Amino acid sequence: MRQTFSGIPRVALLLSLGAGLLFSLPASADWLVTRDGQRIETQGNWQMKGRAVLFTHADGRVDQLPRDYIDFEASERATAGEEPRIVMYSTSWCPYCRKARKLLNELDIEWVEKDIERDREAAREMIKKAGRGAGVPVIDFDGTLLRGYNPDKIRRLAEEVRKSEKRRKAREVAKNER
């Protein structure tokens, strides 16, 4: 007969305790990536507490998200410096930014959003890429800029990035098999 602790097999108890310790330890990350592909730049460590992930935004705001909402593998890749190939420069109040955000999420492709009002560096990046007079949204599809909201062009450019990414990954696999 196996030893139990309050009816729980010892192995199960040890595994659950180990998992609890693992998920309560701070994790060093610069990015959290949500399951819908949105990236959130973090400042310092984030922590898992119960069913929530606690973190500090790049601008210093403390926040939390449900643990199930985070794609931890994509967060690791993002933190390792594997930048997404789609970047949208936006503001929180812009209706066309909201439409573009919704469409990019529906396309199920990895992308990052940079709020030019909250992040001065993002504003500088956008001006460098699109010029001083550019309004929002400005979406950088791996070097191809789209100014404004055009759903057909967003779909076409996102698909081009997706195909390009598949070709790049296939070349990487072939290179590693040699």
N, C-alpha and C. Protein backbone atom coordinates (compact mmCIF):
# COMPACT_ATOMS: atom_id res chain seq x y z
N MET A 1 0.84 -1.18 0.00
CA MET A 1 0.00 0.00 0.00
C MET A 1 0.89 1.25 0.00
N ARG A 2 0.53 2.25 -0.86
CA ARG A 2 1.30 3.49 -0.92
C ARG A 2 0.98 4.38 0.25
N GLN A 3 2.01 5.14 0.68
CA GLN A 3 1.77 6.09 1.77
C GLN A 3 0.99 7.28 1.22
N THR A 4 0.09 7.75 2.04
CA THR A 4 -0.69 8.92 1.62
C THR A 4 -0.64 9.97 2.71
N PHE A 5 -0.95 11.19 2.34
CA PHE A 5 -1.06 12.30 3.27
C PHE A 5 -2.46 12.84 3.12
N SER A 6 -3.30 12.58 4.08
CA SER A 6 -4.71 12.97 4.01
C SER A 6 -5.39 12.42 2.77
N GLY A 7 -5.07 11.17 2.43
CA GLY A 7 -5.71 10.54 1.28
C GLY A 7 -5.07 10.86 -0.05
N ILE A 8 -4.02 11.69 -0.09
CA ILE A 8 -3.36 12.06 -1.34
C ILE A 8 -2.07 11.24 -1.45
N PRO A 9 -1.83 10.56 -2.56
CA PRO A 9 -0.57 9.84 -2.70
C PRO A 9 0.61 10.80 -2.54
N ARG A 10 1.67 10.34 -1.90
CA ARG A 10 2.84 11.18 -1.60
C ARG A 10 3.42 11.80 -2.87
N VAL A 11 3.52 11.02 -3.95
CA VAL A 11 4.09 11.55 -5.19
C VAL A 11 3.25 12.72 -5.71
N ALA A 12 1.95 12.58 -5.69
CA ALA A 12 1.07 13.66 -6.16
C ALA A 12 1.24 14.89 -5.29
N LEU A 13 1.37 14.68 -3.98
CA LEU A 13 1.55 15.80 -3.06
C LEU A 13 2.86 16.53 -3.35
N LEU A 14 3.94 15.78 -3.53
CA LEU A 14 5.24 16.40 -3.81
C LEU A 14 5.22 17.15 -5.14
N LEU A 15 4.60 16.55 -6.17
CA LEU A 15 4.51 17.23 -7.45
C LEU A 15 3.72 18.53 -7.35
N SER A 16 2.61 18.50 -6.63
CA SER A 16 1.81 19.71 -6.51
C SER A 16 2.53 20.78 -5.70
N LEU A 17 3.27 20.38 -4.67
CA LEU A 17 4.05 21.36 -3.90
C LEU A 17 5.15 21.96 -4.75
N GLY A 18 5.84 21.11 -5.53
CA GLY A 18 6.91 21.60 -6.40
C GLY A 18 6.37 22.56 -7.44
N ALA A 19 5.23 22.22 -8.04
CA ALA A 19 4.62 23.10 -9.03
C ALA A 19 4.21 24.41 -8.39
N GLY A 20 3.67 24.35 -7.17
CA GLY A 20 3.28 25.57 -6.48
C GLY A 20 4.47 26.48 -6.23
N LEU A 21 5.60 25.90 -5.82
CA LEU A 21 6.80 26.70 -5.61
C LEU A 21 7.30 27.29 -6.91
N LEU A 22 7.31 26.47 -7.97
CA LEU A 22 7.78 26.94 -9.26
C LEU A 22 6.96 28.12 -9.74
N PHE A 23 5.63 28.03 -9.63
CA PHE A 23 4.78 29.08 -10.17
C PHE A 23 4.67 30.30 -9.26
N SER A 24 5.18 30.22 -8.04
CA SER A 24 5.13 31.40 -7.18
C SER A 24 6.45 32.15 -7.19
N LEU A 25 7.49 31.56 -7.78
CA LEU A 25 8.76 32.24 -7.86
C LEU A 25 8.71 33.34 -8.91
N PRO A 26 9.46 34.43 -8.71
CA PRO A 26 9.46 35.47 -9.73
C PRO A 26 10.09 34.96 -11.01
N ALA A 27 9.59 35.41 -12.13
CA ALA A 27 10.14 35.05 -13.42
C ALA A 27 10.64 36.32 -14.08
N SER A 28 11.84 36.28 -14.59
CA SER A 28 12.39 37.46 -15.23
C SER A 28 11.86 37.51 -16.66
N ALA A 29 11.24 38.61 -17.01
CA ALA A 29 10.70 38.74 -18.36
C ALA A 29 10.59 40.20 -18.73
N ASP A 30 10.77 40.47 -19.98
CA ASP A 30 10.57 41.81 -20.50
C ASP A 30 9.24 41.91 -21.23
N TRP A 31 8.67 40.77 -21.58
CA TRP A 31 7.44 40.75 -22.34
C TRP A 31 6.50 39.68 -21.82
N LEU A 32 5.24 39.99 -21.78
CA LEU A 32 4.19 38.99 -21.61
C LEU A 32 3.40 39.01 -22.92
N VAL A 33 3.14 37.84 -23.46
CA VAL A 33 2.39 37.73 -24.70
C VAL A 33 1.07 37.04 -24.37
N THR A 34 -0.03 37.67 -24.77
CA THR A 34 -1.34 37.10 -24.50
C THR A 34 -1.65 36.02 -25.53
N ARG A 35 -2.64 35.20 -25.24
CA ARG A 35 -3.02 34.12 -26.15
C ARG A 35 -3.57 34.66 -27.47
N ASP A 36 -4.03 35.92 -27.48
CA ASP A 36 -4.49 36.50 -28.74
C ASP A 36 -3.38 37.22 -29.49
N GLY A 37 -2.13 37.08 -29.00
CA GLY A 37 -0.98 37.59 -29.73
C GLY A 37 -0.50 38.96 -29.33
N GLN A 38 -1.19 39.63 -28.45
CA GLN A 38 -0.78 40.96 -28.05
C GLN A 38 0.40 40.88 -27.09
N ARG A 39 1.35 41.78 -27.23
CA ARG A 39 2.53 41.82 -26.37
C ARG A 39 2.42 42.97 -25.39
N ILE A 40 2.82 42.69 -24.16
CA ILE A 40 2.81 43.70 -23.11
C ILE A 40 4.23 43.81 -22.59
N GLU A 41 4.83 44.97 -22.75
CA GLU A 41 6.18 45.17 -22.24
C GLU A 41 6.12 45.33 -20.73
N THR A 42 6.96 44.57 -20.04
CA THR A 42 6.97 44.62 -18.58
C THR A 42 8.27 45.25 -18.09
N GLN A 43 8.22 45.70 -16.87
CA GLN A 43 9.38 46.31 -16.23
C GLN A 43 9.74 45.42 -15.05
N GLY A 44 10.87 44.76 -15.13
CA GLY A 44 11.29 43.89 -14.04
C GLY A 44 10.57 42.55 -14.06
N ASN A 45 10.57 41.90 -12.92
CA ASN A 45 10.00 40.55 -12.82
C ASN A 45 8.49 40.58 -12.80
N TRP A 46 7.90 39.47 -13.24
CA TRP A 46 6.48 39.23 -13.06
C TRP A 46 6.33 37.98 -12.22
N GLN A 47 5.22 37.85 -11.56
CA GLN A 47 5.01 36.72 -10.66
C GLN A 47 3.65 36.09 -10.89
N MET A 48 3.60 34.78 -10.67
CA MET A 48 2.33 34.08 -10.73
C MET A 48 1.83 33.92 -9.31
N LYS A 49 0.65 34.41 -9.06
CA LYS A 49 -0.01 34.30 -7.75
C LYS A 49 -1.37 33.68 -7.98
N GLY A 50 -1.49 32.41 -7.60
CA GLY A 50 -2.76 31.72 -7.81
C GLY A 50 -3.08 31.64 -9.28
N ARG A 51 -4.20 32.16 -9.67
CA ARG A 51 -4.62 32.12 -11.08
C ARG A 51 -4.29 33.40 -11.82
N ALA A 52 -3.47 34.27 -11.23
CA ALA A 52 -3.16 35.56 -11.84
C ALA A 52 -1.66 35.72 -12.06
N VAL A 53 -1.32 36.53 -13.04
CA VAL A 53 0.06 36.93 -13.29
C VAL A 53 0.14 38.41 -12.93
N LEU A 54 0.98 38.73 -11.96
CA LEU A 54 1.17 40.12 -11.52
C LEU A 54 2.41 40.68 -12.20
N PHE A 55 2.31 41.91 -12.71
CA PHE A 55 3.43 42.50 -13.42
C PHE A 55 3.36 44.02 -13.38
N THR A 56 4.46 44.65 -13.76
CA THR A 56 4.53 46.10 -13.86
C THR A 56 4.73 46.45 -15.33
N HIS A 57 3.87 47.30 -15.86
CA HIS A 57 4.00 47.78 -17.24
C HIS A 57 5.29 48.59 -17.37
N ALA A 58 5.73 48.78 -18.60
CA ALA A 58 6.94 49.57 -18.86
C ALA A 58 6.81 50.99 -18.32
N ASP A 59 5.57 51.51 -18.27
CA ASP A 59 5.37 52.88 -17.78
C ASP A 59 5.20 52.95 -16.26
N GLY A 60 5.35 51.79 -15.56
CA GLY A 60 5.31 51.78 -14.10
C GLY A 60 3.98 51.38 -13.49
N ARG A 61 2.92 51.23 -14.31
CA ARG A 61 1.63 50.80 -13.76
C ARG A 61 1.69 49.34 -13.37
N VAL A 62 1.17 49.00 -12.19
CA VAL A 62 1.09 47.62 -11.74
C VAL A 62 -0.24 47.04 -12.22
N ASP A 63 -0.20 45.79 -12.67
CA ASP A 63 -1.40 45.20 -13.27
C ASP A 63 -1.38 43.69 -13.05
N GLN A 64 -2.47 43.05 -13.40
CA GLN A 64 -2.54 41.60 -13.36
C GLN A 64 -3.44 41.10 -14.47
N LEU A 65 -3.18 39.88 -14.91
CA LEU A 65 -4.00 39.22 -15.91
C LEU A 65 -4.23 37.79 -15.47
N PRO A 66 -5.33 37.17 -15.90
CA PRO A 66 -5.53 35.76 -15.58
C PRO A 66 -4.41 34.92 -16.20
N ARG A 67 -3.92 33.94 -15.46
CA ARG A 67 -2.82 33.09 -15.93
C ARG A 67 -3.18 32.42 -17.26
N ASP A 68 -4.43 32.01 -17.43
CA ASP A 68 -4.85 31.34 -18.65
C ASP A 68 -4.83 32.27 -19.87
N TYR A 69 -4.74 33.56 -19.65
CA TYR A 69 -4.74 34.55 -20.71
C TYR A 69 -3.35 34.72 -21.34
N ILE A 70 -2.31 34.22 -20.65
CA ILE A 70 -0.92 34.43 -21.07
C ILE A 70 -0.40 33.23 -21.84
N ASP A 71 0.29 33.48 -22.94
CA ASP A 71 1.00 32.44 -23.69
C ASP A 71 2.45 32.49 -23.21
N PHE A 72 2.80 31.58 -22.30
CA PHE A 72 4.12 31.63 -21.67
C PHE A 72 5.25 31.28 -22.64
N GLU A 73 5.00 30.38 -23.59
CA GLU A 73 6.03 30.05 -24.58
C GLU A 73 6.34 31.25 -25.45
N ALA A 74 5.31 31.93 -25.91
CA ALA A 74 5.52 33.13 -26.73
C ALA A 74 6.17 34.23 -25.90
N SER A 75 5.84 34.30 -24.61
CA SER A 75 6.47 35.28 -23.72
C SER A 75 7.96 35.02 -23.60
N GLU A 76 8.35 33.75 -23.50
CA GLU A 76 9.77 33.40 -23.43
C GLU A 76 10.48 33.78 -24.72
N ARG A 77 9.85 33.47 -25.87
CA ARG A 77 10.47 33.82 -27.15
C ARG A 77 10.63 35.33 -27.27
N ALA A 78 9.61 36.07 -26.87
CA ALA A 78 9.67 37.53 -26.95
C ALA A 78 10.76 38.08 -26.06
N THR A 79 10.87 37.53 -24.85
CA THR A 79 11.87 37.99 -23.91
C THR A 79 13.27 37.66 -24.41
N ALA A 80 13.41 36.55 -25.13
CA ALA A 80 14.70 36.15 -25.68
C ALA A 80 15.13 37.04 -26.85
N GLY A 81 14.27 37.96 -27.23
CA GLY A 81 14.64 38.91 -28.28
C GLY A 81 14.10 38.59 -29.65
N GLU A 82 13.25 37.59 -29.75
CA GLU A 82 12.65 37.27 -31.03
C GLU A 82 11.48 38.23 -31.25
N GLU A 83 11.77 39.35 -31.86
CA GLU A 83 10.77 40.41 -32.04
C GLU A 83 9.70 39.99 -33.03
N PRO A 84 8.47 40.43 -32.81
CA PRO A 84 7.43 40.15 -33.80
C PRO A 84 7.72 40.96 -35.05
N ARG A 85 7.18 40.52 -36.12
CA ARG A 85 7.45 41.19 -37.38
C ARG A 85 6.35 42.17 -37.73
N ILE A 86 5.36 42.31 -36.84
CA ILE A 86 4.29 43.28 -37.04
C ILE A 86 4.23 44.16 -35.79
N VAL A 87 4.34 45.47 -35.99
CA VAL A 87 4.28 46.44 -34.90
C VAL A 87 3.26 47.50 -35.26
N MET A 88 2.29 47.72 -34.35
CA MET A 88 1.31 48.77 -34.58
C MET A 88 1.56 49.91 -33.60
N TYR A 89 1.73 51.11 -34.13
CA TYR A 89 1.86 52.32 -33.33
C TYR A 89 0.46 52.91 -33.22
N SER A 90 0.04 53.20 -31.98
CA SER A 90 -1.36 53.57 -31.77
C SER A 90 -1.51 54.53 -30.59
N THR A 91 -2.75 54.90 -30.35
CA THR A 91 -3.14 55.60 -29.12
C THR A 91 -4.35 54.86 -28.55
N SER A 92 -4.63 55.08 -27.29
CA SER A 92 -5.74 54.36 -26.65
C SER A 92 -7.11 54.87 -27.12
N TRP A 93 -7.20 56.12 -27.52
CA TRP A 93 -8.49 56.73 -27.84
C TRP A 93 -8.87 56.62 -29.31
N CYS A 94 -7.96 56.18 -30.16
CA CYS A 94 -8.16 56.20 -31.61
C CYS A 94 -9.11 55.08 -32.06
N PRO A 95 -10.26 55.43 -32.69
CA PRO A 95 -11.21 54.39 -33.12
C PRO A 95 -10.64 53.48 -34.21
N TYR A 96 -9.80 54.02 -35.10
CA TYR A 96 -9.21 53.18 -36.15
C TYR A 96 -8.15 52.25 -35.57
N CYS A 97 -7.48 52.68 -34.51
CA CYS A 97 -6.53 51.79 -33.81
C CYS A 97 -7.29 50.62 -33.20
N ARG A 98 -8.46 50.90 -32.61
CA ARG A 98 -9.28 49.82 -32.04
C ARG A 98 -9.70 48.82 -33.11
N LYS A 99 -10.09 49.33 -34.27
CA LYS A 99 -10.49 48.44 -35.37
C LYS A 99 -9.29 47.60 -35.84
N ALA A 100 -8.13 48.25 -35.99
CA ALA A 100 -6.93 47.53 -36.43
C ALA A 100 -6.53 46.48 -35.40
N ARG A 101 -6.60 46.83 -34.12
CA ARG A 101 -6.28 45.90 -33.03
C ARG A 101 -7.18 44.67 -33.10
N LYS A 102 -8.47 44.92 -33.27
CA LYS A 102 -9.45 43.82 -33.34
C LYS A 102 -9.15 42.91 -34.54
N LEU A 103 -8.87 43.51 -35.68
CA LEU A 103 -8.58 42.73 -36.88
C LEU A 103 -7.30 41.92 -36.73
N LEU A 104 -6.24 42.52 -36.21
CA LEU A 104 -4.98 41.79 -36.01
C LEU A 104 -5.19 40.61 -35.06
N ASN A 105 -5.98 40.81 -34.02
CA ASN A 105 -6.26 39.70 -33.09
C ASN A 105 -7.04 38.59 -33.80
N GLU A 106 -7.99 38.96 -34.65
CA GLU A 106 -8.78 37.96 -35.38
C GLU A 106 -7.92 37.18 -36.36
N LEU A 107 -6.86 37.80 -36.88
CA LEU A 107 -6.00 37.14 -37.86
C LEU A 107 -5.07 36.11 -37.21
N ASP A 108 -5.06 36.08 -35.89
CA ASP A 108 -4.29 35.08 -35.14
C ASP A 108 -2.82 35.08 -35.57
N ILE A 109 -2.22 36.27 -35.54
CA ILE A 109 -0.82 36.43 -35.88
C ILE A 109 -0.16 37.21 -34.75
N GLU A 110 1.11 36.92 -34.50
CA GLU A 110 1.80 37.60 -33.41
C GLU A 110 2.15 39.03 -33.84
N TRP A 111 1.85 39.96 -32.95
CA TRP A 111 2.12 41.38 -33.22
C TRP A 111 2.30 42.09 -31.90
N VAL A 112 2.85 43.28 -31.96
CA VAL A 112 3.04 44.09 -30.76
C VAL A 112 2.44 45.46 -31.00
N GLU A 113 1.86 46.02 -29.95
CA GLU A 113 1.27 47.35 -30.03
C GLU A 113 2.09 48.29 -29.18
N LYS A 114 2.38 49.46 -29.72
CA LYS A 114 3.13 50.47 -29.00
C LYS A 114 2.31 51.76 -28.96
N ASP A 115 1.96 52.17 -27.75
CA ASP A 115 1.15 53.38 -27.54
C ASP A 115 2.08 54.58 -27.56
N ILE A 116 1.94 55.42 -28.57
CA ILE A 116 2.87 56.55 -28.74
C ILE A 116 2.66 57.67 -27.73
N GLU A 117 1.52 57.68 -27.04
CA GLU A 117 1.30 58.69 -26.01
C GLU A 117 1.91 58.29 -24.68
N ARG A 118 1.95 57.00 -24.40
CA ARG A 118 2.50 56.51 -23.13
C ARG A 118 3.99 56.20 -23.20
N ASP A 119 4.49 55.98 -24.40
CA ASP A 119 5.87 55.53 -24.58
C ASP A 119 6.58 56.46 -25.56
N ARG A 120 7.43 57.33 -25.02
CA ARG A 120 8.15 58.30 -25.86
C ARG A 120 9.05 57.62 -26.90
N GLU A 121 9.67 56.51 -26.50
CA GLU A 121 10.53 55.79 -27.43
C GLU A 121 9.71 55.26 -28.62
N ALA A 122 8.50 54.78 -28.35
CA ALA A 122 7.63 54.31 -29.42
C ALA A 122 7.27 55.46 -30.36
N ALA A 123 7.01 56.63 -29.79
CA ALA A 123 6.70 57.81 -30.61
C ALA A 123 7.89 58.16 -31.51
N ARG A 124 9.11 58.09 -30.95
CA ARG A 124 10.31 58.36 -31.76
C ARG A 124 10.47 57.33 -32.88
N GLU A 125 10.23 56.06 -32.54
CA GLU A 125 10.32 54.99 -33.55
C GLU A 125 9.35 55.27 -34.69
N MET A 126 8.11 55.62 -34.34
CA MET A 126 7.09 55.85 -35.37
C MET A 126 7.48 57.03 -36.25
N ILE A 127 7.95 58.11 -35.65
CA ILE A 127 8.35 59.29 -36.43
C ILE A 127 9.51 58.95 -37.36
N LYS A 128 10.46 58.16 -36.85
CA LYS A 128 11.61 57.76 -37.66
C LYS A 128 11.15 56.93 -38.87
N LYS A 129 10.18 56.06 -38.65
CA LYS A 129 9.71 55.20 -39.73
C LYS A 129 8.74 55.90 -40.68
N ALA A 130 7.79 56.67 -40.12
CA ALA A 130 6.68 57.20 -40.93
C ALA A 130 6.73 58.70 -41.17
N GLY A 131 7.60 59.40 -40.47
CA GLY A 131 7.67 60.85 -40.63
C GLY A 131 6.86 61.58 -39.58
N ARG A 132 7.10 62.88 -39.44
CA ARG A 132 6.48 63.68 -38.38
C ARG A 132 4.98 63.83 -38.50
N GLY A 133 4.45 63.89 -39.70
CA GLY A 133 3.02 64.16 -39.87
C GLY A 133 2.13 62.93 -39.83
N ALA A 134 2.71 61.80 -39.53
CA ALA A 134 1.91 60.56 -39.58
C ALA A 134 0.91 60.51 -38.43
N GLY A 135 -0.31 60.13 -38.76
CA GLY A 135 -1.32 59.88 -37.74
C GLY A 135 -1.28 58.42 -37.35
N VAL A 136 -2.19 58.01 -36.52
CA VAL A 136 -2.26 56.61 -36.10
C VAL A 136 -3.54 55.98 -36.65
N PRO A 137 -3.57 54.71 -36.83
CA PRO A 137 -2.47 53.77 -36.59
C PRO A 137 -1.45 53.79 -37.73
N VAL A 138 -0.23 53.44 -37.36
CA VAL A 138 0.82 53.12 -38.33
C VAL A 138 1.21 51.69 -38.00
N ILE A 139 1.15 50.82 -39.00
CA ILE A 139 1.46 49.42 -38.78
C ILE A 139 2.65 49.05 -39.65
N ASP A 140 3.70 48.54 -39.00
CA ASP A 140 4.91 48.10 -39.68
C ASP A 140 4.82 46.59 -39.86
N PHE A 141 4.66 46.17 -41.11
CA PHE A 141 4.62 44.75 -41.45
C PHE A 141 6.00 44.36 -41.97
N ASP A 142 6.91 44.04 -41.07
CA ASP A 142 8.25 43.59 -41.43
C ASP A 142 8.92 44.54 -42.42
N GLY A 143 8.79 45.84 -42.16
CA GLY A 143 9.43 46.85 -42.99
C GLY A 143 8.51 47.54 -43.98
N THR A 144 7.33 47.00 -44.22
CA THR A 144 6.34 47.65 -45.09
C THR A 144 5.36 48.40 -44.21
N LEU A 145 5.31 49.72 -44.37
CA LEU A 145 4.44 50.54 -43.52
C LEU A 145 3.06 50.72 -44.12
N LEU A 146 2.08 50.64 -43.25
CA LEU A 146 0.70 50.95 -43.60
C LEU A 146 0.27 52.09 -42.69
N ARG A 147 -0.10 53.20 -43.30
CA ARG A 147 -0.59 54.35 -42.53
C ARG A 147 -2.11 54.34 -42.58
N GLY A 148 -2.74 54.40 -41.41
CA GLY A 148 -4.19 54.40 -41.37
C GLY A 148 -4.75 52.99 -41.31
N TYR A 149 -6.08 52.91 -41.35
CA TYR A 149 -6.78 51.63 -41.24
C TYR A 149 -7.33 51.23 -42.60
N ASN A 150 -6.82 50.12 -43.12
CA ASN A 150 -7.31 49.56 -44.37
C ASN A 150 -7.36 48.04 -44.17
N PRO A 151 -8.56 47.49 -43.87
CA PRO A 151 -8.66 46.07 -43.52
C PRO A 151 -8.14 45.12 -44.60
N ASP A 152 -8.36 45.43 -45.87
CA ASP A 152 -7.88 44.55 -46.93
C ASP A 152 -6.35 44.51 -46.97
N LYS A 153 -5.73 45.68 -46.85
CA LYS A 153 -4.26 45.72 -46.85
C LYS A 153 -3.70 45.06 -45.59
N ILE A 154 -4.35 45.24 -44.45
CA ILE A 154 -3.89 44.60 -43.21
C ILE A 154 -3.90 43.08 -43.40
N ARG A 155 -4.98 42.55 -43.95
CA ARG A 155 -5.07 41.10 -44.18
C ARG A 155 -3.98 40.62 -45.14
N ARG A 156 -3.80 41.36 -46.24
CA ARG A 156 -2.81 40.95 -47.25
C ARG A 156 -1.39 41.00 -46.68
N LEU A 157 -1.05 42.10 -46.00
CA LEU A 157 0.30 42.24 -45.46
C LEU A 157 0.56 41.24 -44.32
N ALA A 158 -0.44 40.97 -43.50
CA ALA A 158 -0.29 39.99 -42.42
C ALA A 158 -0.04 38.61 -43.02
N GLU A 159 -0.74 38.29 -44.10
CA GLU A 159 -0.54 36.99 -44.75
C GLU A 159 0.85 36.90 -45.37
N GLU A 160 1.35 37.98 -45.95
CA GLU A 160 2.71 38.00 -46.50
C GLU A 160 3.73 37.75 -45.38
N VAL A 161 3.55 38.37 -44.23
CA VAL A 161 4.45 38.16 -43.10
C VAL A 161 4.37 36.71 -42.64
N ARG A 162 3.17 36.17 -42.57
CA ARG A 162 2.98 34.77 -42.14
C ARG A 162 3.72 33.82 -43.09
N LYS A 163 3.56 34.01 -44.40
CA LYS A 163 4.23 33.16 -45.39
C LYS A 163 5.75 33.31 -45.30
N SER A 164 6.21 34.53 -45.15
CA SER A 164 7.65 34.78 -45.02
C SER A 164 8.21 34.08 -43.78
N GLU A 165 7.47 34.12 -42.69
CA GLU A 165 7.89 33.47 -41.45
C GLU A 165 7.97 31.96 -41.63
N LYS A 166 7.01 31.37 -42.33
CA LYS A 166 7.02 29.93 -42.60
C LYS A 166 8.24 29.55 -43.43
N ARG A 167 8.56 30.36 -44.44
CA ARG A 167 9.75 30.07 -45.27
C ARG A 167 11.02 30.17 -44.45
N ARG A 168 11.10 31.18 -43.57
CA ARG A 168 12.27 31.37 -42.72
C ARG A 168 12.45 30.17 -41.80
N LYS A 169 11.35 29.71 -41.19
CA LYS A 169 11.42 28.56 -40.28
C LYS A 169 11.82 27.30 -41.02
N ALA A 170 11.31 27.12 -42.24
CA ALA A 170 11.67 25.94 -43.04
C ALA A 170 13.16 25.95 -43.37
N ARG A 171 13.70 27.13 -43.70
CA ARG A 171 15.14 27.24 -43.97
C ARG A 171 15.96 26.91 -42.73
N GLU A 172 15.49 27.39 -41.56
CA GLU A 172 16.17 27.11 -40.30
C GLU A 172 16.21 25.61 -40.00
N VAL A 173 15.07 24.94 -40.20
CA VAL A 173 14.99 23.50 -39.97
C VAL A 173 15.94 22.77 -40.90
N ALA A 174 15.92 23.15 -42.19
CA ALA A 174 16.80 22.51 -43.17
C ALA A 174 18.27 22.74 -42.80
N LYS A 175 18.59 23.92 -42.36
CA LYS A 175 19.97 24.24 -41.96
C LYS A 175 20.39 23.41 -40.76
N ASN A 176 19.51 23.23 -39.80
CA ASN A 176 19.83 22.46 -38.58
C ASN A 176 19.93 20.97 -38.85
N GLU A 177 19.29 20.48 -39.90
CA GLU A 177 19.34 19.06 -40.23
C GLU A 177 20.63 18.69 -40.93
N ARG A 178 21.37 19.65 -41.42
CA ARG A 178 22.63 19.36 -42.12
C ARG A 178 23.69 18.94 -41.17
